[in-house]
Protein backbone atom coordinates (compact mmCIF):
# COMPACT_ATOMS: atom_id res chain seq x y z
CA UNK A 1 -11.76 13.99 -0.07
CA UNK A 2 -8.52 14.90 1.29
CA UNK A 3 -7.02 16.52 3.59
CA UNK A 4 -3.65 18.61 4.30
CA UNK A 5 -1.86 17.14 7.21
CA UNK A 6 1.47 17.67 8.76
CA UNK A 7 3.67 14.75 9.17
CA UNK A 8 4.16 11.75 11.92
CA UNK A 9 6.85 13.44 13.28
CA UNK A 10 5.09 16.26 14.01
CA UNK A 11 1.92 13.90 15.63
CA UNK A 12 4.41 11.34 17.57
CA UNK A 13 5.83 15.04 19.07
CA UNK A 14 2.77 16.47 20.31
CA UNK A 15 2.17 12.86 21.44
CA UNK A 16 5.55 12.53 23.67
CA UNK A 17 4.29 12.04 26.78
CA UNK A 18 1.53 9.32 27.57
CA UNK A 19 0.00 10.51 30.68
CA UNK A 20 -3.38 12.24 31.44
CA UNK A 21 -1.18 15.56 30.73
CA UNK A 22 -0.33 14.66 27.02
CA UNK A 23 -3.94 14.77 26.25
CA UNK A 24 -4.60 18.58 26.71
CA UNK A 25 -1.16 19.97 24.66
CA UNK A 26 -3.13 22.36 22.77
CA UNK A 27 -6.64 23.79 24.47
CA UNK A 28 -9.43 22.81 22.05
CA UNK A 29 -11.41 26.49 21.11
CA UNK A 30 -13.67 26.20 23.28
CA UNK A 31 -11.63 26.45 26.05
CA UNK A 32 -9.24 28.97 24.61
CA UNK A 33 -8.66 32.82 25.84
CA UNK A 34 -8.91 34.18 22.73
CA UNK A 35 -11.46 36.93 20.81
CA UNK A 36 -13.95 35.56 18.54
CA UNK A 37 -14.28 37.43 15.98
CA UNK A 38 -17.10 35.93 14.00
CA UNK A 39 -17.62 34.43 10.53
CA UNK A 40 -18.25 37.25 9.05
CA UNK A 41 -14.20 38.29 9.32
CA UNK A 42 -13.56 35.00 7.30
CA UNK A 43 -16.80 35.55 4.50
CA UNK A 44 -15.27 38.39 2.18
CA UNK A 45 -14.50 37.23 -1.28
CA UNK A 46 -11.03 38.06 -0.97
CA UNK A 47 -10.55 35.89 1.78
CA UNK A 48 -12.50 32.89 2.26
CA UNK A 49 -15.80 33.74 0.55
CA UNK A 50 -15.19 33.27 -3.05
CA UNK A 51 -17.77 31.46 -5.12
CA UNK A 52 -14.97 29.99 -7.54
CA UNK A 53 -11.84 28.09 -5.85
CA UNK A 54 -8.45 30.19 -6.37
CA UNK A 55 -6.07 28.15 -9.02
CA UNK A 56 -2.91 29.87 -8.13
CA UNK A 57 -3.81 29.73 -4.06
CA UNK A 58 -2.88 27.12 -1.63
CA UNK A 59 -5.60 27.43 0.07
CA UNK A 60 -8.74 27.03 -1.80
CA UNK A 61 -10.60 30.42 -0.83
CA UNK A 62 -14.16 29.29 -0.99
CA UNK A 63 -14.49 27.83 2.46
CA UNK A 64 -17.35 30.37 3.75
CA UNK A 65 -19.59 29.61 1.09
CA UNK A 66 -19.17 25.70 1.46
CA UNK A 67 -19.69 25.94 4.86
CA UNK A 68 -22.18 28.48 4.52
CA UNK A 69 -24.38 25.94 1.79
CA UNK A 70 -23.28 22.67 2.52
CA UNK A 71 -21.98 21.61 6.21
CA UNK A 72 -24.07 20.72 8.67
CA UNK A 73 -22.13 22.25 11.00
CA UNK A 74 -23.51 25.72 9.99
CA UNK A 75 -27.42 24.75 10.79
CA UNK A 76 -25.91 22.92 13.99
CA UNK A 77 -27.70 26.41 16.21
CA UNK A 78 -31.16 26.15 14.08
CA UNK A 79 -32.16 22.67 15.17
CA UNK A 80 -32.26 23.96 18.93
CA UNK A 81 -35.34 25.79 17.97
CA UNK A 82 -36.92 23.06 16.69
CA UNK A 83 -39.74 21.22 18.72
CA UNK A 84 -37.95 18.17 19.63
CA UNK A 85 -35.09 20.44 21.02
CA UNK A 86 -37.71 22.17 22.75
CA UNK A 87 -39.89 18.89 24.31
CA UNK A 88 -35.89 17.70 24.97
CA UNK A 89 -35.72 20.53 27.98
CA UNK A 90 -39.30 20.14 29.84
CA UNK A 91 -38.57 16.48 29.82
CA UNK A 92 -35.50 16.99 31.24
CA UNK A 93 -37.68 19.55 33.56
CA UNK A 94 -35.45 22.99 32.81
CA UNK A 95 -36.62 26.37 32.38
CA UNK A 96 -34.60 27.50 29.53
CA UNK A 97 -34.80 27.40 26.04
CA UNK A 98 -32.42 24.69 24.08
CA UNK A 99 -31.04 27.43 21.85
CA UNK A 100 -30.57 29.82 25.37
CA UNK A 101 -28.86 26.89 27.29
CA UNK A 102 -25.07 26.33 27.93
CA UNK A 103 -26.07 22.43 27.76
CA UNK A 104 -26.77 22.56 24.04
CA UNK A 105 -25.17 25.30 23.53
CA UNK A 106 -21.36 24.27 23.71
CA UNK A 107 -22.41 22.25 20.70
CA UNK A 108 -24.15 23.55 19.05
CA UNK A 109 -22.44 26.43 18.58
CA UNK A 110 -19.28 28.99 19.54
CA UNK A 111 -20.38 29.23 22.89
CA UNK A 112 -17.45 31.59 24.22
CA UNK A 113 -18.44 33.94 27.70
CA UNK A 114 -19.24 36.93 26.79
CA UNK A 115 -16.12 38.88 27.13
CA UNK A 116 -14.30 36.73 24.26
CA UNK A 117 -17.13 37.78 21.33
CA UNK A 118 -16.26 40.28 19.01
CA UNK A 119 -18.60 42.89 17.49
CA UNK A 120 -19.20 40.53 14.55
CA UNK A 121 -19.22 37.55 16.29
CA UNK A 122 -23.44 35.62 16.28
CA UNK A 123 -23.89 32.69 18.49
CA UNK A 124 -26.85 31.59 16.06
CA UNK A 125 -24.26 31.07 13.29
CA UNK A 126 -23.27 27.61 14.48
CA UNK A 127 -20.43 25.62 14.86
CA UNK A 128 -18.45 28.41 13.11
CA UNK A 129 -14.65 28.59 11.32
CA UNK A 130 -13.15 29.56 15.01
CA UNK A 131 -15.57 26.30 16.53
CA UNK A 132 -12.85 24.71 14.47
CA UNK A 133 -9.92 26.15 13.75
CA UNK A 134 -9.59 28.78 16.88
CA UNK A 135 -10.42 32.38 17.83
CA UNK A 136 -8.85 34.32 15.58
CA UNK A 137 -8.34 37.55 17.44
CA UNK A 138 -4.64 37.65 17.40
CA UNK A 139 -4.02 35.38 13.55
CA UNK A 140 -6.56 36.73 11.72
CA UNK A 141 -4.56 39.65 10.25
CA UNK A 142 -0.90 37.74 10.77
CA UNK A 143 -2.36 35.06 9.13
CA UNK A 144 -2.64 36.63 5.82
CA UNK A 145 0.77 38.90 6.00
CA UNK A 146 3.32 38.39 3.51
CA UNK A 147 5.49 35.21 4.60
CA UNK A 148 3.48 34.14 7.88
CA UNK A 149 3.88 30.40 8.94
CA UNK A 150 1.46 28.09 9.99
CA UNK A 151 4.15 27.48 13.63
CA UNK A 152 3.71 31.32 13.46
CA UNK A 153 -0.15 30.69 13.23
CA UNK A 154 0.02 27.94 16.09
CA UNK A 155 1.41 30.24 18.67
CA UNK A 156 -0.85 33.26 18.72
CA UNK A 157 -3.97 30.72 18.93
CA UNK A 158 -4.52 28.87 15.74
CA UNK A 159 -5.98 25.39 16.74
CA UNK A 160 -3.78 22.64 14.50
CA UNK A 161 -6.41 20.63 13.16
CA UNK A 162 -4.11 19.08 10.74
CA UNK A 163 -2.75 17.12 13.48
CA UNK A 164 -4.78 14.13 13.41
CA UNK A 165 -4.74 13.37 17.78
CA UNK A 166 -5.60 17.58 17.79
CA UNK A 167 -8.41 16.84 15.32
CA UNK A 168 -9.90 13.50 17.23
CA UNK A 169 -9.58 15.44 20.35
CA UNK A 170 -12.11 18.38 19.32
CA UNK A 171 -14.20 16.09 17.01
CA UNK A 172 -14.97 13.81 20.32
CA UNK A 173 -15.68 16.76 21.99
CA UNK A 174 -18.95 17.12 21.05
CA UNK A 175 -19.42 13.96 18.97
CA UNK A 176 -18.97 12.09 22.12
CA UNK A 177 -18.10 14.51 25.10
CA UNK A 178 -15.25 14.73 27.29
CA UNK A 179 -15.34 16.84 31.06
CA UNK A 180 -17.16 20.04 29.74
CA UNK A 181 -19.49 18.51 27.50
CA UNK A 182 -21.48 15.60 27.58
CA UNK A 183 -24.32 13.81 26.52
CA UNK A 184 -25.55 11.69 29.03
CA UNK A 185 -28.26 8.76 29.84
CA UNK A 186 -30.63 11.47 30.90
CA UNK A 187 -30.78 13.62 27.59
CA UNK A 188 -30.90 10.46 25.38
CA UNK A 189 -34.01 9.43 27.07
CA UNK A 190 -35.22 12.90 27.39
CA UNK A 191 -35.07 12.59 23.37
CA UNK A 192 -31.50 13.95 22.21
CA UNK A 193 -30.25 11.09 19.26
CA UNK A 194 -27.94 8.87 20.51
CA UNK A 195 -24.14 9.60 19.80
CA UNK A 196 -22.15 7.40 17.04
CA UNK A 197 -19.01 8.47 15.65
CA UNK A 198 -15.51 7.21 13.52
CA UNK A 199 -13.61 10.17 12.79
CA UNK A 200 -12.50 8.92 9.16
CA UNK A 201 -15.80 8.50 8.30
CA UNK A 202 -17.39 11.49 9.81
CA UNK A 203 -14.54 13.47 8.11
CA UNK A 204 -14.67 12.08 4.71
CA UNK A 205 -18.44 13.12 4.62
CA UNK A 206 -18.09 16.54 5.65
CA UNK A 207 -18.03 18.85 2.21
CA UNK A 208 -14.27 19.43 1.48
CA UNK A 209 -12.51 22.40 2.25
CA UNK A 210 -9.10 21.75 1.90
CA UNK A 211 -6.19 21.56 -0.40
CA UNK A 212 -4.21 18.66 -0.65
CA UNK A 213 -0.34 19.12 -1.57
CA UNK A 214 1.31 17.23 -4.45
CA UNK A 215 1.80 13.73 -3.40
CA UNK A 216 -0.08 14.02 -0.10
CA UNK A 217 -2.71 11.22 0.81
CA UNK A 218 -5.50 11.19 2.62
CA UNK A 219 -4.73 8.44 5.40
CA UNK A 220 -7.90 7.34 6.96
CA UNK A 221 -6.59 4.37 8.34
CA UNK A 222 -4.36 6.03 10.40
CA UNK A 223 -6.69 8.60 11.37
CA UNK A 224 -9.65 5.79 12.31
CA UNK A 225 -6.94 4.31 14.32
CA UNK A 226 -5.81 6.91 16.31
CA UNK A 227 -9.72 7.88 16.38
CA UNK A 228 -10.91 4.73 18.50
CA UNK A 229 -7.91 4.89 20.94
CA UNK A 230 -8.71 8.27 21.93
CA UNK A 231 -12.81 7.13 21.93
CA UNK A 232 -11.67 4.65 23.92
CA UNK A 233 -10.02 6.49 26.76
CA UNK A 234 -12.59 9.26 27.03
CA UNK A 235 -14.63 6.30 28.17
CA UNK A 236 -12.65 4.96 30.60
CA UNK A 237 -11.89 8.43 31.60
CA UNK A 238 -15.55 9.19 32.00
CA UNK A 239 -16.03 5.64 33.90
CA UNK A 240 -13.42 7.03 36.61
CA UNK A 241 -14.69 10.71 36.82
CA UNK A 242 -16.57 10.83 39.79
CA UNK A 243 -18.94 12.86 38.62
CA UNK A 244 -20.04 12.68 35.22
CA UNK A 245 -19.46 8.56 35.45
CA UNK A 246 -22.22 8.86 37.94
CA UNK A 247 -25.83 9.30 37.93
CA UNK A 248 -27.23 9.04 41.42
CA UNK A 249 -27.10 5.89 42.60
CA UNK A 250 -25.88 4.01 39.19
CA UNK A 251 -23.41 4.68 36.80
CA UNK A 252 -23.65 6.68 33.92
CA UNK A 253 -25.83 3.76 31.31
CA UNK A 254 -24.46 6.56 28.44
CA UNK A 255 -21.60 4.30 28.21
CA UNK A 256 -23.02 0.77 28.70
CA UNK A 257 -24.09 -1.22 25.38
CA UNK A 258 -27.60 0.04 24.86
CA UNK A 259 -28.82 -2.71 23.61
CA UNK A 260 -27.89 -4.55 26.67
CA UNK A 261 -31.24 -3.42 27.93
CA UNK A 262 -33.17 -1.50 25.07
CA UNK A 263 -34.95 -4.72 23.83
CA UNK A 264 -38.06 -7.02 24.13
CA UNK A 265 -37.57 -9.28 26.99
CA UNK A 266 -38.51 -12.08 24.23
CA UNK A 267 -35.50 -11.31 22.66
CA UNK A 268 -32.40 -12.85 24.26
CA UNK A 269 -29.16 -10.77 23.21
CA UNK A 270 -27.52 -11.21 26.81
CA UNK A 271 -27.24 -14.65 26.57
CA UNK A 272 -23.22 -13.76 27.54
CA UNK A 273 -20.25 -15.61 26.26
CA UNK A 274 -18.09 -13.15 24.55
CA UNK A 275 -16.90 -11.41 27.46
CA UNK A 276 -16.93 -14.43 29.78
CA UNK A 277 -19.00 -12.61 32.30
CA UNK A 278 -22.23 -14.46 31.74
CA UNK A 279 -26.07 -13.96 31.18
CA UNK A 280 -27.62 -10.27 32.59
CA UNK A 281 -24.29 -8.16 32.37
CA UNK A 282 -24.76 -4.93 31.49
CA UNK A 283 -21.82 -4.55 29.38
CA UNK A 284 -19.95 -1.42 28.79
CA UNK A 285 -19.88 -0.22 25.49
CA UNK A 286 -16.65 -1.85 24.13
CA UNK A 287 -16.63 -0.79 20.58
CA UNK A 288 -13.76 1.29 20.50
CA UNK A 289 -11.29 -1.54 22.65
CA UNK A 290 -12.38 -3.70 20.29
CA UNK A 291 -10.82 -1.71 17.50
CA UNK A 292 -7.85 -0.76 19.66
CA UNK A 293 -7.32 -4.23 20.56
CA UNK A 294 -7.65 -5.42 16.28
CA UNK A 295 -5.12 -1.50 15.68
CA UNK A 296 -2.91 -2.77 18.46
CA UNK A 297 -2.49 -6.72 16.67
CA UNK A 298 -0.83 -4.29 13.70
CA UNK A 299 1.07 -1.42 15.19
CA UNK A 300 2.01 -2.82 18.64
CA UNK A 301 2.45 -6.55 18.30
CA UNK A 302 4.80 -7.01 20.93
CA UNK A 303 2.12 -5.64 23.35
CA UNK A 304 -0.99 -6.77 21.52
CA UNK A 305 -1.76 -9.48 23.67
CA UNK A 306 -1.32 -8.07 26.91
CA UNK A 307 -3.78 -4.95 26.31
CA UNK A 308 -6.12 -8.13 24.89
CA UNK A 309 -5.60 -9.29 28.39
CA UNK A 310 -6.16 -6.25 30.10
CA UNK A 311 -9.20 -5.99 28.16
CA UNK A 312 -10.84 -8.58 28.90
CA UNK A 313 -9.69 -8.36 33.03
CA UNK A 314 -11.43 -4.61 32.25
CA UNK A 315 -14.79 -6.75 31.94
CA UNK A 316 -14.83 -9.01 34.53
CA UNK A 317 -14.02 -6.53 37.12
CA UNK A 318 -16.98 -4.21 35.50
CA UNK A 319 -19.12 -7.09 35.97
CA UNK A 320 -18.03 -8.05 39.94
CA UNK A 321 -17.57 -4.60 40.85
CA UNK A 322 -14.23 -5.39 42.00
CA UNK A 323 -10.88 -3.01 41.23
CA UNK A 324 -13.17 -1.81 38.00
CA UNK A 325 -11.91 1.95 38.12
CA UNK A 326 -8.38 0.57 39.39
CA UNK A 327 -8.29 -1.73 35.98
CA UNK A 328 -10.15 1.06 33.81
CA UNK A 329 -6.70 3.28 34.62
CA UNK A 330 -4.29 0.40 33.89
CA UNK A 331 -6.84 0.54 30.82
CA UNK A 332 -6.19 3.88 29.96
CA UNK A 333 -2.97 4.03 30.44
CA UNK A 334 -1.89 1.10 28.12
CA UNK A 335 -4.09 3.02 25.55
CA UNK A 336 -1.85 6.66 25.89
CA UNK A 337 1.54 4.19 25.23
CA UNK A 338 -0.23 2.92 21.80
CA UNK A 339 -1.17 6.26 20.58
CA UNK A 340 1.87 8.19 19.65
CA UNK A 341 3.06 4.71 17.83
CA UNK A 342 0.07 4.55 15.92
CA UNK A 343 0.30 8.41 15.02
CA UNK A 344 4.25 7.48 13.78
CA UNK A 345 3.47 3.97 11.87
CA UNK A 346 3.22 4.02 8.12
CA UNK A 347 0.46 0.59 7.52
CA UNK A 348 1.81 -1.44 5.23
CA UNK A 349 0.24 -3.57 2.58
CA UNK A 350 0.49 -6.66 5.02
CA UNK A 351 -0.97 -4.54 7.65
CA UNK A 352 -4.09 -3.46 5.24
CA UNK A 353 -4.83 -6.68 4.55
CA UNK A 354 -4.20 -8.55 8.00
CA UNK A 355 -6.45 -5.65 9.14
CA UNK A 356 -9.33 -6.23 6.91
CA UNK A 357 -9.04 -9.51 7.24
CA UNK A 358 -8.14 -9.25 11.66
CA UNK A 359 -11.88 -7.41 12.09
CA UNK A 360 -13.97 -9.90 9.40
CA UNK A 361 -12.66 -13.14 11.39
CA UNK A 362 -13.78 -10.98 14.59
CA UNK A 363 -17.07 -10.25 13.30
CA UNK A 364 -17.74 -14.16 12.57
CA UNK A 365 -16.52 -14.96 15.98
CA UNK A 366 -18.98 -13.36 17.32
CA UNK A 367 -17.46 -10.17 18.98
CA UNK A 368 -19.66 -7.95 17.51
CA UNK A 369 -22.84 -9.74 18.73
CA UNK A 370 -23.54 -5.81 20.39
CA UNK A 371 -25.09 -3.76 18.04
CA UNK A 372 -22.89 -0.97 18.59
CA UNK A 373 -19.77 -2.98 18.13
CA UNK A 374 -21.17 -3.61 14.36
CA UNK A 375 -21.62 -0.18 13.55
CA UNK A 376 -18.02 0.65 14.84
CA UNK A 377 -16.48 -2.28 12.82
CA UNK A 378 -18.45 -1.31 9.38
CA UNK A 379 -17.18 1.65 9.32
CA UNK A 380 -13.84 -0.30 9.96
CA UNK A 381 -13.88 -1.87 7.10
CA UNK A 382 -15.12 0.92 4.77
CA UNK A 383 -11.52 3.19 6.14
CA UNK A 384 -9.47 0.56 6.00
CA UNK A 385 -10.88 -1.29 2.28
CA UNK A 386 -11.27 2.76 1.15
CA UNK A 387 -7.83 3.42 1.93
CA UNK A 388 -6.95 -0.19 -0.29
CA UNK A 389 -8.66 0.62 -3.23
CA UNK A 390 -6.90 4.27 -2.86
CA UNK A 391 -3.49 2.73 -2.57
CA UNK A 392 -4.50 0.32 -6.00
CA UNK A 393 -4.67 -2.96 -3.39
CA UNK A 394 -8.54 -3.93 -3.28
CA UNK A 395 -11.08 -4.01 -5.85
CA UNK A 396 -13.90 -1.67 -5.72
CA UNK A 397 -16.68 -3.29 -7.68
CA UNK A 398 -15.63 -6.55 -6.43
CA UNK A 399 -16.10 -5.60 -2.88
CA UNK A 400 -18.95 -3.41 -2.89
CA UNK A 401 -21.57 -4.79 -2.81
CA UNK A 402 -20.61 -6.80 0.31
CA UNK A 403 -20.33 -3.44 2.03
CA UNK A 404 -23.57 -2.34 0.75
CA UNK A 405 -24.90 -5.69 2.56
CA UNK A 406 -23.07 -4.44 5.70
CA UNK A 407 -23.94 -0.64 5.62
CA UNK A 408 -27.58 -1.98 5.44
CA UNK A 409 -27.25 -4.83 8.52
CA UNK A 410 -26.69 -1.85 10.67
CA UNK A 411 -28.53 1.23 9.43
CA UNK A 412 -31.05 0.30 11.99
CA UNK A 413 -30.06 -0.28 15.85
CA UNK A 414 -33.28 -1.76 16.25
CA UNK A 415 -33.79 -4.47 13.20
CA UNK A 416 -30.27 -5.29 13.88
CA UNK A 417 -29.52 -9.27 13.66
CA UNK A 418 -26.15 -10.74 14.36
CA UNK A 419 -26.65 -13.71 11.98
CA UNK A 420 -27.81 -11.48 8.61
CA UNK A 421 -24.22 -9.41 10.13
CA UNK A 422 -21.88 -12.28 9.93
CA UNK A 423 -23.56 -13.34 6.86
CA UNK A 424 -22.75 -10.14 5.12
CA UNK A 425 -18.85 -10.49 6.53
CA UNK A 426 -18.63 -13.94 4.73
CA UNK A 427 -19.55 -12.25 1.63
CA UNK A 428 -17.19 -9.58 2.07
CA UNK A 429 -14.97 -12.01 2.87
CA UNK A 430 -15.16 -14.19 -0.18
CA UNK A 431 -15.55 -11.31 -2.23
CA UNK A 432 -11.68 -10.38 -1.45
CA UNK A 433 -9.68 -13.33 -3.14
CA UNK A 434 -7.09 -15.47 -2.78
CA UNK A 435 -4.56 -12.49 -2.64
CA UNK A 436 -5.88 -10.66 0.64
CA UNK A 437 -6.89 -13.83 2.70
């Protein structure tokens, strides 16, 4: 699968500032004040509803058909009608049905306010074209005019999904959460699935509805890296939020490692050591931070040691309760500074080899003893290996069996065993050969 993107210069421009305001450069479609017209406005066979792709067009023209038939986003609303969703609402003590509650609709549909809904807008269509590409009220006509420019469409409210950073913000807003919508520990305790997301992997498995221009290549490693950095930034942001970061007397537990608590008492998983904080500590979910540390070693080797030290100080502060939020803000700023460097960075063959080995060695050194860290590491290794295969830097038959074993090791969080995972890592490293190692 390949998607058309602008060059890194555009990405760096969007991230010229490094403070929190830089993270809100373009309003998300859910927050836009423009009018949403509904998927029927895109579904004509002369627009995006063609059964076959148009060979002479720079756009496939069958995007609506792909979305409606194959994309799970089109069925996001219908999930709210099932028994599980209704039971979640009952356990939460809410009187509304799931398909009527903003708590659910804000992610399972394009839930804009009534005044912003056009005549053909249908909420039950789910996560629609406009939920990702922005309400089309101001650009639906102009974007098909002769000589139409993408920059003009963006100025009229189209969302810049081709920009890695903007797309990461958009996807994370539902697949993890943001200031407006967020899956809490209470929601998961009531039956909502655990949130697990990695930008490159999830983009790759989405049914393709984009066309690449000649010579363009899907830069999965950069997309993975940006997604990890923004995911880590969002976790730290929530931790610092006095409303989202708390649940009564307790911190918001969804930010922490699930399996530090959810395991049989005889299964001693929280033995301490890795973070230097001792046993019995409820560890923050640092899976994205582990990935960011690895990314920084390639993108910002000058600042990577300092970032690693900041992460360790942050973990110790969380464990002790001393200055944890201040440490989180410091770490958040460091990650914000790293993002534009990722966007402008071109990963070399040496970088890719080093990152692949670095991810494996971190695992062999026990860095992924927590399930969520292992899960993110597997998706990271897949992204890096896939990009290397596309560039003919890695043999698919050689690494395929070992990657499949890694996938099997994390397929079920309740059955995850670090020793099994590490054995699969050893086999993957052995399969790479001396040229990569």
